[in-house]
Amino acid sequence: MKISWLKYEKDEKSFRLPQALGFDVFSLHDLEKTDETMQNLINQKYDTIIISNEVAGFSENLIKKYQKDKNIKIVISLDNN
């Protein structure tokens, strides 16, 4: 299992623990590239992608595409507020 976390670069709160522990936390500079970045992670064999709630709002295609896929899991993190 290969897990990644995906958040907006200006988001200082999300995924601090995984990042501090050295896990693969990626920051998006441009939220419009959410689907492209997620597809790149899938191509790199990440089978679980955890995305912040803010980033999820910018993904239209991939969340729907992999919703029923048993090999790829896209998890939307709950908002910290």
C-alpha atoms as a PDB file:
ATOM      1  CA  MET A   1       0.000   0.000   0.000  1.00  0.00           C
ATOM      2  CA  LYS A   2       1.370   3.375  -1.016  1.00  0.00           C
ATOM      3  CA  ILE A   3      -0.333   6.387   0.600  1.00  0.00           C
ATOM      4  CA  SER A   4      -0.084  10.086  -0.201  1.00  0.00           C
ATOM      5  CA  TRP A   5      -1.646  13.216   1.240  1.00  0.00           C
ATOM      6  CA  LEU A   6      -2.562  16.185  -0.939  1.00  0.00           C
ATOM      7  CA  LYS A   7      -3.240  19.705   0.323  1.00  0.00           C
ATOM      8  CA  TYR A   8      -3.148  23.336  -0.797  1.00  0.00           C
ATOM      9  CA  GLU A   9       0.245  24.960  -0.204  1.00  0.00           C
ATOM     10  CA  LYS A  10      -1.254  27.775   1.896  1.00  0.00           C
ATOM     11  CA  ASP A  11      -2.991  25.275   4.186  1.00  0.00           C
ATOM     12  CA  GLU A  12      -0.828  25.228   7.315  1.00  0.00           C
ATOM     13  CA  LYS A  13      -3.099  22.960   9.382  1.00  0.00           C
ATOM     14  CA  SER A  14      -3.847  19.879   7.294  1.00  0.00           C
ATOM     15  CA  PHE A  15      -1.660  16.783   7.464  1.00  0.00           C
ATOM     16  CA  ARG A  16       0.973  18.191   9.818  1.00  0.00           C
ATOM     17  CA  LEU A  17       1.457  14.874  11.615  1.00  0.00           C
ATOM     18  CA  PRO A  18       2.020  12.747   8.487  1.00  0.00           C
ATOM     19  CA  GLN A  19       4.379  15.417   7.176  1.00  0.00           C
ATOM     20  CA  ALA A  20       6.317  15.534  10.470  1.00  0.00           C
ATOM     21  CA  LEU A  21       6.643  11.752  10.367  1.00  0.00           C
ATOM     22  CA  GLY A  22       8.135  11.896   6.865  1.00  0.00           C
ATOM     23  CA  PHE A  23       5.179  10.575   4.896  1.00  0.00           C
ATOM     24  CA  ASP A  24       4.466  11.703   1.331  1.00  0.00           C
ATOM     25  CA  VAL A  25       2.552  14.966   1.751  1.00  0.00           C
ATOM     26  CA  PHE A  26       2.259  16.967  -1.456  1.00  0.00           C
ATOM     27  CA  SER A  27       1.274  20.624  -1.648  1.00  0.00           C
ATOM     28  CA  LEU A  28      -0.580  22.071  -4.596  1.00  0.00           C
ATOM     29  CA  HIS A  29       0.470  25.500  -5.812  1.00  0.00           C
ATOM     30  CA  ASP A  30      -2.512  25.740  -8.191  1.00  0.00           C
ATOM     31  CA  LEU A  31      -5.795  24.136  -7.120  1.00  0.00           C
ATOM     32  CA  GLU A  32      -6.902  23.994 -10.752  1.00  0.00           C
ATOM     33  CA  LYS A  33      -4.300  21.230 -11.234  1.00  0.00           C
ATOM     34  CA  THR A  34      -5.883  18.931  -8.641  1.00  0.00           C
ATOM     35  CA  ASP A  35      -7.025  16.238 -11.096  1.00  0.00           C
ATOM     36  CA  GLU A  36      -3.708  16.346 -12.958  1.00  0.00           C
ATOM     37  CA  THR A  37      -1.727  15.968  -9.725  1.00  0.00           C
ATOM     38  CA  MET A  38      -3.942  13.131  -8.497  1.00  0.00           C
ATOM     39  CA  GLN A  39      -3.540  11.320 -11.836  1.00  0.00           C
ATOM     40  CA  ASN A  40       0.247  11.687 -11.549  1.00  0.00           C
ATOM     41  CA  LEU A  41       0.121  10.140  -8.064  1.00  0.00           C
ATOM     42  CA  ILE A  42      -1.957   7.231  -9.376  1.00  0.00           C
ATOM     43  CA  ASN A  43       0.561   6.760 -12.194  1.00  0.00           C
ATOM     44  CA  GLN A  44       3.302   6.628  -9.540  1.00  0.00           C
ATOM     45  CA  LYS A  45       1.448   3.670  -7.968  1.00  0.00           C
ATOM     46  CA  TYR A  46      -0.101   5.488  -5.007  1.00  0.00           C
ATOM     47  CA  ASP A  47      -3.221   3.454  -4.263  1.00  0.00           C
ATOM     48  CA  THR A  48      -4.553   5.649  -1.456  1.00  0.00           C
ATOM     49  CA  ILE A  49      -4.744   9.418  -1.812  1.00  0.00           C
ATOM     50  CA  ILE A  50      -6.004  11.467   1.097  1.00  0.00           C
ATOM     51  CA  ILE A  51      -6.989  14.973   0.072  1.00  0.00           C
ATOM     52  CA  SER A  52      -7.971  17.978   2.130  1.00  0.00           C
ATOM     53  CA  ASN A  53     -11.534  19.197   1.938  1.00  0.00           C
ATOM     54  CA  GLU A  54     -10.396  22.384   0.188  1.00  0.00           C
ATOM     55  CA  VAL A  55      -8.605  20.420  -2.549  1.00  0.00           C
ATOM     56  CA  ALA A  56     -11.579  18.073  -3.013  1.00  0.00           C
ATOM     57  CA  GLY A  57     -13.682  20.991  -4.216  1.00  0.00           C
ATOM     58  CA  PHE A  58     -11.404  21.335  -7.233  1.00  0.00           C
ATOM     59  CA  SER A  59     -11.544  17.703  -8.360  1.00  0.00           C
ATOM     60  CA  GLU A  60     -14.458  16.899 -10.582  1.00  0.00           C
ATOM     61  CA  ASN A  61     -13.388  13.965 -12.682  1.00  0.00           C
ATOM     62  CA  LEU A  62     -11.118  11.722 -10.648  1.00  0.00           C
ATOM     63  CA  ILE A  63     -13.151  11.436  -7.474  1.00  0.00           C
ATOM     64  CA  LYS A  64     -16.122  10.254  -9.535  1.00  0.00           C
ATOM     65  CA  LYS A  65     -13.960   8.041 -11.759  1.00  0.00           C
ATOM     66  CA  TYR A  66     -12.362   6.135  -8.875  1.00  0.00           C
ATOM     67  CA  GLN A  67     -15.362   6.164  -6.541  1.00  0.00           C
ATOM     68  CA  LYS A  68     -16.130   2.485  -7.173  1.00  0.00           C
ATOM     69  CA  ASP A  69     -12.608   1.326  -8.024  1.00  0.00           C
ATOM     70  CA  LYS A  70     -11.390  -1.267  -5.538  1.00  0.00           C
ATOM     71  CA  ASN A  71      -7.703  -0.635  -6.318  1.00  0.00           C
ATOM     72  CA  ILE A  72      -7.602   3.153  -5.890  1.00  0.00           C
ATOM     73  CA  LYS A  73      -8.964   4.856  -2.781  1.00  0.00           C
ATOM     74  CA  ILE A  74      -9.483   8.614  -2.673  1.00  0.00           C
ATOM     75  CA  VAL A  75     -10.348   9.813   0.808  1.00  0.00           C
ATOM     76  CA  ILE A  76     -11.565  13.331   1.570  1.00  0.00           C
ATOM     77  CA  SER A  77     -10.295  14.536   4.919  1.00  0.00           C
ATOM     78  CA  LEU A  78     -12.681  16.261   7.282  1.00  0.00           C
ATOM     79  CA  ASP A  79     -12.231  19.985   7.766  1.00  0.00           C
ATOM     80  CA  ASN A  80     -10.305  20.981  10.903  1.00  0.00           C
ATOM     81  CA  ASN A  81     -12.793  23.699  11.849  1.00  0.00           C
END
